[in-house]
Amino acid sequence: MRFKGLYRFSLIAATLFLAVTACKRKPNDPGKEYAPNMYLPVGYEPYKQEKANPINPMGLTMRLPVAGTVARRNYRTSFGESDSVSTDLMVYNVPADSITISERVLKNPVPLNEQSLAEGKVLYDRYCQHCHGATGAGDGKVGAMYKGVPNYASDAYKNLNEGHIFHVITYGKGRMWPHGSQINPEERWKIVHYVQKLQKGA
């Protein structure tokens, strides 16, 4: 009976000791860290470092992005042998409802060659064939359900220029959904090359 009371007293004393020692004045102090690299990944997080940078705000080595902006890949790309021939493929601010502007001003910056045409075919097969068909005749399996998918080689569509095709891939038209978020600008221009090949019935 005496030992039972002693155990009960020891248990209460241990609980009180833990409760008192666990409460510290620094609520954000995690206490003893047995694996500090798991808590302080100094070398892995771009906005956190061991020593503060005296130049940048808040001592950061890498600055925070400007509020309200969205990061994008750098599409500043040079084509051809000359470095002077360059086009920022991401600059495409023609509104969705201004397809006639695209037809007049857009020119394909990607050179037409066997490689770009082959890559365009791969991209076309991946993103377009299910509606437009392997030959561009509008006979894809999904296109059969949509109805009204154009035949590129028909009189009504064989003269659509590169700016029109690029605009439609970017924003969509009619029942065709936009693909600008799925296909980057360079890939879209390669698809344009391949579509123009299909327009000739090749």
N, C-alpha and C. Protein backbone atom coordinates (compact mmCIF):
# COMPACT_ATOMS: atom_id res chain seq x y z
N MET A 1 0.83 -1.19 0.00
CA MET A 1 0.00 0.00 0.00
C MET A 1 0.87 1.25 0.00
N ARG A 2 1.98 1.16 0.81
CA ARG A 2 2.89 2.28 0.89
C ARG A 2 3.53 2.55 -0.47
N PHE A 3 3.91 1.45 -1.20
CA PHE A 3 4.55 1.61 -2.52
C PHE A 3 3.57 2.20 -3.53
N LYS A 4 2.30 1.84 -3.39
CA LYS A 4 1.29 2.37 -4.31
C LYS A 4 1.18 3.88 -4.18
N GLY A 5 1.18 4.38 -2.96
CA GLY A 5 1.14 5.82 -2.72
C GLY A 5 2.40 6.51 -3.20
N LEU A 6 3.54 5.81 -3.05
CA LEU A 6 4.82 6.38 -3.50
C LEU A 6 4.84 6.52 -5.02
N TYR A 7 4.33 5.50 -5.72
CA TYR A 7 4.26 5.56 -7.19
C TYR A 7 3.35 6.69 -7.65
N ARG A 8 2.22 6.83 -6.95
CA ARG A 8 1.27 7.88 -7.32
C ARG A 8 1.90 9.26 -7.11
N PHE A 9 2.61 9.43 -5.99
CA PHE A 9 3.28 10.70 -5.70
C PHE A 9 4.36 10.99 -6.73
N SER A 10 5.13 9.96 -7.10
CA SER A 10 6.20 10.12 -8.09
C SER A 10 5.63 10.54 -9.45
N LEU A 11 4.51 9.93 -9.81
CA LEU A 11 3.88 10.25 -11.10
C LEU A 11 3.39 11.70 -11.12
N ILE A 12 2.78 12.13 -10.04
CA ILE A 12 2.29 13.52 -9.95
C ILE A 12 3.45 14.49 -9.97
N ALA A 13 4.51 14.17 -9.24
CA ALA A 13 5.70 15.05 -9.18
C ALA A 13 6.34 15.16 -10.55
N ALA A 14 6.45 14.04 -11.27
CA ALA A 14 7.07 14.06 -12.61
C ALA A 14 6.23 14.88 -13.58
N THR A 15 4.90 14.75 -13.48
CA THR A 15 4.01 15.51 -14.36
C THR A 15 4.14 17.00 -14.10
N LEU A 16 4.17 17.38 -12.81
CA LEU A 16 4.33 18.79 -12.46
C LEU A 16 5.68 19.33 -12.92
N PHE A 17 6.73 18.52 -12.77
CA PHE A 17 8.08 18.94 -13.19
C PHE A 17 8.11 19.20 -14.70
N LEU A 18 7.52 18.28 -15.46
CA LEU A 18 7.50 18.46 -16.91
C LEU A 18 6.68 19.68 -17.31
N ALA A 19 5.57 19.90 -16.63
CA ALA A 19 4.71 21.04 -16.96
C ALA A 19 5.42 22.36 -16.68
N VAL A 20 6.16 22.41 -15.58
CA VAL A 20 6.87 23.65 -15.21
C VAL A 20 8.05 23.90 -16.13
N THR A 21 8.80 22.87 -16.42
CA THR A 21 10.00 23.04 -17.25
C THR A 21 9.67 23.22 -18.73
N ALA A 22 8.50 22.75 -19.14
CA ALA A 22 8.13 22.86 -20.55
C ALA A 22 7.72 24.28 -20.91
N CYS A 23 7.21 25.02 -19.96
CA CYS A 23 6.75 26.39 -20.21
C CYS A 23 7.93 27.33 -20.07
N LYS A 24 8.32 27.98 -21.20
CA LYS A 24 9.45 28.89 -21.18
C LYS A 24 8.98 30.29 -21.55
N ARG A 25 9.85 31.23 -21.38
CA ARG A 25 9.51 32.60 -21.72
C ARG A 25 9.51 32.83 -23.23
N LYS A 26 10.23 32.01 -23.99
CA LYS A 26 10.30 32.14 -25.45
C LYS A 26 9.39 31.08 -26.09
N PRO A 27 8.17 31.45 -26.46
CA PRO A 27 7.24 30.45 -27.01
C PRO A 27 7.67 29.90 -28.36
N ASN A 28 8.53 30.63 -29.09
CA ASN A 28 8.99 30.16 -30.41
C ASN A 28 10.25 29.31 -30.33
N ASP A 29 10.79 29.14 -29.14
CA ASP A 29 11.99 28.33 -28.97
C ASP A 29 11.59 26.86 -28.98
N PRO A 30 12.07 26.08 -29.96
CA PRO A 30 11.66 24.67 -30.02
C PRO A 30 12.34 23.78 -28.98
N GLY A 31 13.28 24.36 -28.20
CA GLY A 31 13.98 23.54 -27.23
C GLY A 31 15.13 22.81 -27.88
N LYS A 32 15.47 21.66 -27.36
CA LYS A 32 16.58 20.87 -27.88
C LYS A 32 16.25 20.35 -29.26
N GLU A 33 17.13 20.62 -30.23
CA GLU A 33 16.94 20.12 -31.60
C GLU A 33 17.91 18.97 -31.84
N TYR A 34 17.35 17.81 -32.09
CA TYR A 34 18.20 16.63 -32.28
C TYR A 34 18.65 16.48 -33.74
N ALA A 35 17.97 17.15 -34.65
CA ALA A 35 18.37 17.13 -36.07
C ALA A 35 18.20 18.54 -36.62
N PRO A 36 19.13 19.45 -36.31
CA PRO A 36 18.94 20.86 -36.69
C PRO A 36 18.81 21.08 -38.19
N ASN A 37 19.41 20.23 -39.00
CA ASN A 37 19.29 20.40 -40.45
C ASN A 37 17.87 20.21 -40.94
N MET A 38 17.08 19.51 -40.16
CA MET A 38 15.68 19.32 -40.54
C MET A 38 14.85 20.58 -40.26
N TYR A 39 15.32 21.37 -39.30
CA TYR A 39 14.57 22.56 -38.92
C TYR A 39 15.12 23.82 -39.57
N LEU A 40 16.43 23.86 -39.80
CA LEU A 40 17.08 25.05 -40.34
C LEU A 40 17.82 24.71 -41.63
N PRO A 41 17.10 24.54 -42.73
CA PRO A 41 17.74 24.18 -43.99
C PRO A 41 18.39 25.40 -44.65
N VAL A 42 19.46 25.89 -44.02
CA VAL A 42 20.08 27.15 -44.43
C VAL A 42 20.51 27.09 -45.90
N GLY A 43 21.08 25.98 -46.32
CA GLY A 43 21.62 25.90 -47.67
C GLY A 43 20.60 25.58 -48.73
N TYR A 44 19.35 25.38 -48.36
CA TYR A 44 18.37 24.88 -49.32
C TYR A 44 17.25 25.87 -49.61
N GLU A 45 17.05 26.85 -48.78
CA GLU A 45 15.97 27.80 -49.00
C GLU A 45 16.56 29.13 -49.48
N PRO A 46 16.09 29.63 -50.63
CA PRO A 46 16.72 30.82 -51.21
C PRO A 46 16.56 32.09 -50.39
N TYR A 47 15.52 32.17 -49.56
CA TYR A 47 15.28 33.39 -48.81
C TYR A 47 15.83 33.30 -47.38
N LYS A 48 16.58 32.25 -47.06
CA LYS A 48 17.08 32.08 -45.70
C LYS A 48 18.57 31.75 -45.79
N GLN A 49 19.39 32.41 -45.02
CA GLN A 49 20.81 32.13 -45.02
C GLN A 49 21.38 32.36 -43.63
N GLU A 50 22.58 31.85 -43.44
CA GLU A 50 23.18 31.93 -42.11
C GLU A 50 23.57 33.37 -41.76
N LYS A 51 24.18 34.08 -42.75
CA LYS A 51 24.60 35.46 -42.51
C LYS A 51 23.70 36.40 -43.30
N ALA A 52 23.27 37.46 -42.68
CA ALA A 52 22.40 38.43 -43.34
C ALA A 52 23.17 39.21 -44.40
N ASN A 53 22.52 39.46 -45.53
CA ASN A 53 23.09 40.27 -46.59
C ASN A 53 22.92 41.74 -46.22
N PRO A 54 24.00 42.50 -46.09
CA PRO A 54 23.86 43.89 -45.63
C PRO A 54 23.27 44.84 -46.68
N ILE A 55 23.18 44.40 -47.93
CA ILE A 55 22.72 45.29 -49.00
C ILE A 55 21.22 45.21 -49.20
N ASN A 56 20.69 44.00 -49.30
CA ASN A 56 19.27 43.82 -49.61
C ASN A 56 18.38 44.01 -48.38
N PRO A 57 17.11 44.34 -48.60
CA PRO A 57 16.18 44.51 -47.48
C PRO A 57 16.03 43.21 -46.69
N MET A 58 15.87 43.34 -45.41
CA MET A 58 15.67 42.21 -44.49
C MET A 58 16.82 41.22 -44.52
N GLY A 59 17.96 41.61 -45.07
CA GLY A 59 19.13 40.75 -45.06
C GLY A 59 19.06 39.58 -46.01
N LEU A 60 18.16 39.63 -47.00
CA LEU A 60 17.97 38.52 -47.93
C LEU A 60 19.04 38.52 -49.01
N THR A 61 19.48 37.34 -49.40
CA THR A 61 20.38 37.23 -50.53
C THR A 61 19.59 37.24 -51.84
N MET A 62 18.47 36.56 -51.84
CA MET A 62 17.59 36.55 -53.01
C MET A 62 16.37 37.39 -52.70
N ARG A 63 16.09 38.36 -53.54
CA ARG A 63 14.97 39.25 -53.26
C ARG A 63 13.63 38.59 -53.56
N LEU A 64 12.63 39.01 -52.81
CA LEU A 64 11.27 38.53 -53.05
C LEU A 64 10.75 39.12 -54.37
N PRO A 65 9.90 38.38 -55.11
CA PRO A 65 9.36 38.92 -56.35
C PRO A 65 8.46 40.13 -56.08
N VAL A 66 8.34 40.98 -57.07
CA VAL A 66 7.51 42.19 -56.95
C VAL A 66 6.06 41.76 -56.74
N ALA A 67 5.37 42.41 -55.83
CA ALA A 67 3.98 42.06 -55.52
C ALA A 67 3.11 42.18 -56.76
N GLY A 68 2.26 41.19 -56.97
CA GLY A 68 1.32 41.22 -58.09
C GLY A 68 1.89 40.73 -59.41
N THR A 69 3.14 40.23 -59.40
CA THR A 69 3.73 39.73 -60.64
C THR A 69 3.73 38.21 -60.66
N VAL A 70 3.84 37.66 -61.86
CA VAL A 70 3.87 36.21 -62.04
C VAL A 70 5.17 35.85 -62.76
N ALA A 71 5.91 34.92 -62.22
CA ALA A 71 7.17 34.51 -62.84
C ALA A 71 6.90 33.78 -64.14
N ARG A 72 7.76 33.98 -65.12
CA ARG A 72 7.64 33.26 -66.38
C ARG A 72 9.02 32.91 -66.89
N ARG A 73 9.07 31.91 -67.75
CA ARG A 73 10.34 31.50 -68.33
C ARG A 73 10.85 32.57 -69.29
N ASN A 74 12.16 32.61 -69.47
CA ASN A 74 12.76 33.57 -70.39
C ASN A 74 12.73 32.99 -71.80
N TYR A 75 11.95 33.60 -72.66
CA TYR A 75 11.84 33.10 -74.03
C TYR A 75 12.63 33.96 -75.01
N ARG A 76 13.61 34.71 -74.50
CA ARG A 76 14.44 35.51 -75.39
C ARG A 76 15.33 34.55 -76.16
N THR A 77 15.02 34.31 -77.40
CA THR A 77 15.67 33.24 -78.15
C THR A 77 16.18 33.76 -79.48
N SER A 78 17.36 33.34 -79.85
CA SER A 78 17.92 33.70 -81.15
C SER A 78 17.77 32.53 -82.09
N PHE A 79 17.36 32.81 -83.33
CA PHE A 79 17.23 31.78 -84.34
C PHE A 79 18.17 32.10 -85.49
N GLY A 80 18.65 31.09 -86.14
CA GLY A 80 19.53 31.30 -87.29
C GLY A 80 20.97 31.47 -86.86
N GLU A 81 21.81 31.84 -87.81
CA GLU A 81 23.24 31.95 -87.55
C GLU A 81 23.61 33.29 -86.93
N SER A 82 22.82 34.31 -87.16
CA SER A 82 23.15 35.65 -86.67
C SER A 82 22.48 35.90 -85.33
N ASP A 83 23.26 36.44 -84.39
CA ASP A 83 22.71 36.79 -83.08
C ASP A 83 21.80 38.01 -83.16
N SER A 84 21.90 38.76 -84.26
CA SER A 84 21.08 39.96 -84.39
C SER A 84 19.62 39.61 -84.67
N VAL A 85 19.38 38.37 -85.15
CA VAL A 85 18.01 37.94 -85.42
C VAL A 85 17.47 37.28 -84.15
N SER A 86 16.72 38.02 -83.39
CA SER A 86 16.18 37.48 -82.14
C SER A 86 14.77 37.99 -81.92
N THR A 87 13.99 37.17 -81.30
CA THR A 87 12.60 37.52 -81.04
C THR A 87 12.22 37.04 -79.65
N ASP A 88 11.58 37.90 -78.89
CA ASP A 88 11.06 37.46 -77.60
C ASP A 88 9.74 36.75 -77.86
N LEU A 89 9.77 35.43 -77.82
CA LEU A 89 8.61 34.64 -78.19
C LEU A 89 7.44 34.82 -77.22
N MET A 90 7.73 35.37 -76.04
CA MET A 90 6.67 35.51 -75.04
C MET A 90 5.86 36.79 -75.26
N VAL A 91 6.41 37.74 -75.99
CA VAL A 91 5.69 38.98 -76.21
C VAL A 91 4.57 38.73 -77.20
N TYR A 92 3.38 38.55 -76.67
CA TYR A 92 2.21 38.34 -77.52
C TYR A 92 1.02 38.90 -76.77
N ASN A 93 0.82 40.20 -76.93
CA ASN A 93 -0.23 40.87 -76.17
C ASN A 93 -1.40 41.30 -77.04
N VAL A 94 -1.57 40.61 -78.18
CA VAL A 94 -2.73 40.88 -79.03
C VAL A 94 -3.96 40.32 -78.32
N PRO A 95 -5.01 41.11 -78.14
CA PRO A 95 -6.20 40.61 -77.43
C PRO A 95 -6.83 39.41 -78.13
N ALA A 96 -7.56 38.63 -77.36
CA ALA A 96 -8.17 37.41 -77.89
C ALA A 96 -9.16 37.69 -79.00
N ASP A 97 -9.82 38.86 -78.97
CA ASP A 97 -10.84 39.16 -79.96
C ASP A 97 -10.29 39.94 -81.17
N SER A 98 -8.96 39.98 -81.31
CA SER A 98 -8.34 40.74 -82.41
C SER A 98 -7.55 39.83 -83.34
N ILE A 99 -8.22 38.83 -83.86
CA ILE A 99 -7.54 37.85 -84.71
C ILE A 99 -7.07 38.48 -86.02
N THR A 100 -7.76 39.50 -86.50
CA THR A 100 -7.35 40.14 -87.76
C THR A 100 -6.01 40.86 -87.60
N ILE A 101 -5.74 41.37 -86.40
CA ILE A 101 -4.44 42.00 -86.14
C ILE A 101 -3.34 40.95 -86.22
N SER A 102 -3.59 39.79 -85.62
CA SER A 102 -2.61 38.70 -85.66
C SER A 102 -2.31 38.28 -87.08
N GLU A 103 -3.34 38.23 -87.90
CA GLU A 103 -3.15 37.82 -89.30
C GLU A 103 -2.23 38.79 -90.03
N ARG A 104 -2.28 40.07 -89.66
CA ARG A 104 -1.48 41.07 -90.36
C ARG A 104 -0.05 41.17 -89.83
N VAL A 105 0.12 41.06 -88.51
CA VAL A 105 1.42 41.42 -87.93
C VAL A 105 2.29 40.23 -87.50
N LEU A 106 1.71 39.09 -87.24
CA LEU A 106 2.51 37.98 -86.71
C LEU A 106 3.24 37.23 -87.82
N LYS A 107 4.53 37.02 -87.61
CA LYS A 107 5.34 36.21 -88.52
C LYS A 107 6.05 35.15 -87.69
N ASN A 108 6.16 33.97 -88.24
CA ASN A 108 6.77 32.85 -87.52
C ASN A 108 8.27 33.08 -87.37
N PRO A 109 8.77 33.23 -86.11
CA PRO A 109 10.20 33.46 -85.90
C PRO A 109 11.03 32.18 -85.95
N VAL A 110 10.37 31.02 -85.87
CA VAL A 110 11.09 29.74 -85.89
C VAL A 110 11.37 29.37 -87.33
N PRO A 111 12.63 29.14 -87.69
CA PRO A 111 12.93 28.80 -89.09
C PRO A 111 12.31 27.47 -89.48
N LEU A 112 11.86 27.41 -90.74
CA LEU A 112 11.27 26.18 -91.26
C LEU A 112 12.39 25.28 -91.75
N ASN A 113 12.56 24.16 -91.11
CA ASN A 113 13.54 23.16 -91.53
C ASN A 113 13.04 21.78 -91.10
N GLU A 114 13.80 20.75 -91.41
CA GLU A 114 13.35 19.39 -91.11
C GLU A 114 13.16 19.17 -89.61
N GLN A 115 14.05 19.75 -88.81
CA GLN A 115 13.96 19.55 -87.36
C GLN A 115 12.71 20.22 -86.78
N SER A 116 12.48 21.50 -87.13
CA SER A 116 11.31 22.20 -86.58
C SER A 116 10.01 21.57 -87.07
N LEU A 117 10.02 21.07 -88.31
CA LEU A 117 8.82 20.41 -88.85
C LEU A 117 8.57 19.08 -88.14
N ALA A 118 9.65 18.33 -87.86
CA ALA A 118 9.51 17.06 -87.15
C ALA A 118 9.02 17.29 -85.72
N GLU A 119 9.54 18.33 -85.08
CA GLU A 119 9.08 18.64 -83.72
C GLU A 119 7.64 19.13 -83.73
N GLY A 120 7.30 19.88 -84.78
CA GLY A 120 5.92 20.33 -84.92
C GLY A 120 4.95 19.17 -85.07
N LYS A 121 5.38 18.14 -85.81
CA LYS A 121 4.52 16.95 -85.99
C LYS A 121 4.30 16.23 -84.65
N VAL A 122 5.36 16.09 -83.87
CA VAL A 122 5.24 15.44 -82.56
C VAL A 122 4.26 16.22 -81.68
N LEU A 123 4.39 17.54 -81.67
CA LEU A 123 3.50 18.37 -80.86
C LEU A 123 2.07 18.33 -81.38
N TYR A 124 1.92 18.32 -82.71
CA TYR A 124 0.59 18.23 -83.31
C TYR A 124 -0.07 16.90 -82.91
N ASP A 125 0.68 15.82 -83.00
CA ASP A 125 0.13 14.51 -82.62
C ASP A 125 -0.28 14.49 -81.15
N ARG A 126 0.44 15.22 -80.34
CA ARG A 126 0.18 15.23 -78.90
C ARG A 126 -1.03 16.08 -78.53
N TYR A 127 -1.17 17.25 -79.15
CA TYR A 127 -2.19 18.21 -78.73
C TYR A 127 -3.35 18.39 -79.71
N CYS A 128 -3.17 18.03 -80.97
CA CYS A 128 -4.16 18.42 -81.98
C CYS A 128 -4.84 17.25 -82.70
N GLN A 129 -4.13 16.14 -82.82
CA GLN A 129 -4.61 15.04 -83.65
C GLN A 129 -5.95 14.48 -83.20
N HIS A 130 -6.20 14.45 -81.92
CA HIS A 130 -7.43 13.85 -81.41
C HIS A 130 -8.68 14.56 -81.94
N CYS A 131 -8.55 15.84 -82.28
CA CYS A 131 -9.68 16.56 -82.89
C CYS A 131 -9.50 16.72 -84.40
N HIS A 132 -8.32 17.19 -84.81
CA HIS A 132 -8.10 17.55 -86.21
C HIS A 132 -7.71 16.38 -87.10
N GLY A 133 -7.39 15.23 -86.50
CA GLY A 133 -7.02 14.06 -87.29
C GLY A 133 -5.56 14.07 -87.70
N ALA A 134 -5.04 12.91 -88.07
CA ALA A 134 -3.62 12.76 -88.40
C ALA A 134 -3.23 13.58 -89.61
N THR A 135 -4.14 13.75 -90.57
CA THR A 135 -3.84 14.48 -91.80
C THR A 135 -4.45 15.88 -91.81
N GLY A 136 -5.07 16.29 -90.71
CA GLY A 136 -5.69 17.61 -90.66
C GLY A 136 -7.03 17.68 -91.34
N ALA A 137 -7.65 16.53 -91.55
CA ALA A 137 -8.94 16.49 -92.25
C ALA A 137 -10.12 16.70 -91.31
N GLY A 138 -9.85 16.92 -90.01
CA GLY A 138 -10.93 17.14 -89.05
C GLY A 138 -11.64 15.86 -88.67
N ASP A 139 -10.97 14.72 -88.84
CA ASP A 139 -11.60 13.43 -88.60
C ASP A 139 -11.05 12.71 -87.37
N GLY A 140 -10.57 13.48 -86.39
CA GLY A 140 -10.10 12.85 -85.16
C GLY A 140 -11.26 12.28 -84.36
N LYS A 141 -10.97 11.37 -83.47
CA LYS A 141 -12.03 10.70 -82.69
C LYS A 141 -12.80 11.68 -81.81
N VAL A 142 -12.09 12.62 -81.21
CA VAL A 142 -12.77 13.63 -80.39
C VAL A 142 -13.50 14.61 -81.30
N GLY A 143 -12.88 14.95 -82.42
CA GLY A 143 -13.51 15.85 -83.38
C GLY A 143 -14.84 15.33 -83.89
N ALA A 144 -14.97 14.02 -83.99
CA ALA A 144 -16.22 13.42 -84.45
C ALA A 144 -17.35 13.70 -83.47
N MET A 145 -17.01 13.85 -82.20
CA MET A 145 -18.03 14.17 -81.19
C MET A 145 -18.35 15.67 -81.20
N TYR A 146 -17.34 16.50 -81.45
CA TYR A 146 -17.54 17.95 -81.45
C TYR A 146 -18.32 18.42 -82.68
N LYS A 147 -18.06 17.81 -83.80
CA LYS A 147 -18.65 18.21 -85.09
C LYS A 147 -18.08 19.56 -85.55
N GLY A 148 -17.95 19.73 -86.84
CA GLY A 148 -17.53 21.01 -87.40
C GLY A 148 -16.06 21.31 -87.30
N VAL A 149 -15.20 20.30 -87.04
CA VAL A 149 -13.75 20.54 -87.00
C VAL A 149 -13.27 20.72 -88.44
N PRO A 150 -12.52 21.79 -88.74
CA PRO A 150 -12.18 22.09 -90.13
C PRO A 150 -11.19 21.12 -90.75
N ASN A 151 -11.25 21.03 -92.07
CA ASN A 151 -10.26 20.29 -92.86
C ASN A 151 -9.26 21.33 -93.37
N TYR A 152 -8.01 21.21 -92.92
CA TYR A 152 -7.01 22.22 -93.26
C TYR A 152 -6.79 22.38 -94.77
N ALA A 153 -6.95 21.29 -95.51
CA ALA A 153 -6.68 21.33 -96.94
C ALA A 153 -7.87 21.82 -97.76
N SER A 154 -9.01 22.07 -97.10
CA SER A 154 -10.19 22.55 -97.83
C SER A 154 -10.00 23.99 -98.27
N ASP A 155 -10.78 24.43 -99.25
CA ASP A 155 -10.64 25.79 -99.79
C ASP A 155 -10.82 26.86 -98.72
N ALA A 156 -11.68 26.59 -97.75
CA ALA A 156 -11.98 27.60 -96.72
C ALA A 156 -10.83 27.79 -95.74
N TYR A 157 -9.96 26.79 -95.60
CA TYR A 157 -8.93 26.86 -94.56
C TYR A 157 -7.50 26.77 -95.08
N LYS A 158 -7.30 26.43 -96.33
CA LYS A 158 -5.93 26.22 -96.80
C LYS A 158 -5.14 27.51 -96.94
N ASN A 159 -5.82 28.66 -96.91
CA ASN A 159 -5.13 29.94 -97.05
C ASN A 159 -4.99 30.71 -95.73
N LEU A 160 -5.37 30.10 -94.62
CA LEU A 160 -5.19 30.78 -93.33
C LEU A 160 -3.70 30.95 -93.07
N ASN A 161 -3.29 32.19 -92.72
CA ASN A 161 -1.86 32.43 -92.57
C ASN A 161 -1.35 32.06 -91.18
N GLU A 162 -0.04 32.20 -91.01
CA GLU A 162 0.63 31.74 -89.79
C GLU A 162 0.16 32.51 -88.55
N GLY A 163 -0.10 33.83 -88.69
CA GLY A 163 -0.56 34.61 -87.55
C GLY A 163 -1.93 34.16 -87.07
N HIS A 164 -2.82 33.83 -88.01
CA HIS A 164 -4.16 33.35 -87.67
C HIS A 164 -4.05 32.03 -86.90
N ILE A 165 -3.24 31.11 -87.42
CA ILE A 165 -3.12 29.78 -86.79
C ILE A 165 -2.55 29.91 -85.38
N PHE A 166 -1.50 30.74 -85.24
CA PHE A 166 -0.89 30.93 -83.92
C PHE A 166 -1.90 31.51 -82.94
N HIS A 167 -2.66 32.49 -83.38
CA HIS A 167 -3.66 33.14 -82.52
C HIS A 167 -4.72 32.13 -82.05
N VAL A 168 -5.17 31.30 -82.97
CA VAL A 168 -6.21 30.32 -82.63
C VAL A 168 -5.67 29.27 -81.66
N ILE A 169 -4.42 28.84 -81.85
CA ILE A 169 -3.82 27.89 -80.90
C ILE A 169 -3.74 28.53 -79.52
N THR A 170 -3.39 29.81 -79.49
CA THR A 170 -3.21 30.51 -78.21
C THR A 170 -4.53 30.72 -77.49
N TYR A 171 -5.53 31.27 -78.19
CA TYR A 171 -6.78 31.68 -77.54
C TYR A 171 -7.97 30.77 -77.83
N GLY A 172 -7.84 29.89 -78.82
CA GLY A 172 -8.98 29.06 -79.21
C GLY A 172 -9.92 29.84 -80.13
N LYS A 173 -10.87 29.11 -80.70
CA LYS A 173 -11.85 29.77 -81.58
C LYS A 173 -13.04 28.83 -81.72
N GLY A 174 -14.24 29.35 -81.56
CA GLY A 174 -15.42 28.51 -81.64
C GLY A 174 -15.39 27.44 -80.57
N ARG A 175 -15.47 26.18 -80.99
CA ARG A 175 -15.45 25.08 -80.02
C ARG A 175 -14.05 24.66 -79.62
N MET A 176 -13.05 25.18 -80.32
CA MET A 176 -11.68 24.82 -79.96
C MET A 176 -11.25 25.59 -78.72
N TRP A 177 -10.75 24.87 -77.75
CA TRP A 177 -10.32 25.48 -76.50
C TRP A 177 -8.94 26.11 -76.67
N PRO A 178 -8.61 27.13 -75.86
CA PRO A 178 -7.27 27.73 -75.93
C PRO A 178 -6.20 26.76 -75.42
N HIS A 179 -5.04 26.83 -76.04
CA HIS A 179 -3.92 25.97 -75.64
C HIS A 179 -2.70 26.77 -75.20
N GLY A 180 -2.88 28.07 -75.00
CA GLY A 180 -1.75 28.92 -74.61
C GLY A 180 -1.12 28.53 -73.30
N SER A 181 -1.89 27.98 -72.38
CA SER A 181 -1.34 27.59 -71.08
C SER A 181 -0.67 26.23 -71.12
N GLN A 182 -0.91 25.46 -72.18
CA GLN A 182 -0.35 24.11 -72.28
C GLN A 182 0.88 24.05 -73.18
N ILE A 183 0.91 24.92 -74.18
CA ILE A 183 1.97 24.86 -75.18
C ILE A 183 2.70 26.19 -75.19
N ASN A 184 4.01 26.17 -74.99
CA ASN A 184 4.74 27.44 -74.96
C ASN A 184 4.85 28.03 -76.36
N PRO A 185 5.18 29.32 -76.48
CA PRO A 185 5.15 29.98 -77.78
C PRO A 185 6.00 29.32 -78.86
N GLU A 186 7.19 28.90 -78.50
CA GLU A 186 8.06 28.25 -79.51
C GLU A 186 7.41 26.98 -80.05
N GLU A 187 6.81 26.20 -79.16
CA GLU A 187 6.13 24.98 -79.60
C GLU A 187 4.93 25.30 -80.49
N ARG A 188 4.22 26.38 -80.16
CA ARG A 188 3.07 26.77 -80.98
C ARG A 188 3.51 27.10 -82.40
N TRP A 189 4.62 27.81 -82.51
CA TRP A 189 5.11 28.17 -83.84
C TRP A 189 5.54 26.93 -84.63
N LYS A 190 6.06 25.93 -83.96
CA LYS A 190 6.43 24.68 -84.65
C LYS A 190 5.18 23.95 -85.13
N ILE A 191 4.13 23.99 -84.32
CA ILE A 191 2.86 23.40 -84.74
C ILE A 191 2.33 24.15 -85.96
N VAL A 192 2.49 25.48 -85.99
CA VAL A 192 2.05 26.28 -87.13
C VAL A 192 2.72 25.79 -88.41
N HIS A 193 4.03 25.52 -88.34
CA HIS A 193 4.75 25.00 -89.51
C HIS A 193 4.11 23.70 -90.01
N TYR A 194 3.80 22.82 -89.05
CA TYR A 194 3.25 21.52 -89.45
C TYR A 194 1.83 21.67 -89.99
N VAL A 195 1.03 22.55 -89.40
CA VAL A 195 -0.33 22.77 -89.89
C VAL A 195 -0.28 23.32 -91.32
N GLN A 196 0.67 24.22 -91.58
CA GLN A 196 0.79 24.77 -92.93
C GLN A 196 1.19 23.69 -93.95
N LYS A 197 1.91 22.72 -93.49
CA LYS A 197 2.24 21.58 -94.34
C LYS A 197 0.96 20.80 -94.65
N LEU A 198 0.13 20.59 -93.63
CA LEU A 198 -1.13 19.87 -93.83
C LEU A 198 -2.08 20.66 -94.72
N GLN A 199 -2.00 21.99 -94.71
CA GLN A 199 -2.85 22.81 -95.56
C GLN A 199 -2.57 22.53 -97.05
N LYS A 200 -1.33 22.16 -97.32
CA LYS A 200 -0.95 21.86 -98.72
C LYS A 200 -1.30 20.42 -99.10
N GLY A 201 -1.88 19.70 -98.15
CA GLY A 201 -2.24 18.30 -98.42
C GLY A 201 -1.05 17.39 -98.39
N ALA A 202 0.05 17.83 -97.79
CA ALA A 202 1.27 17.02 -97.75
C ALA A 202 1.25 16.09 -96.54
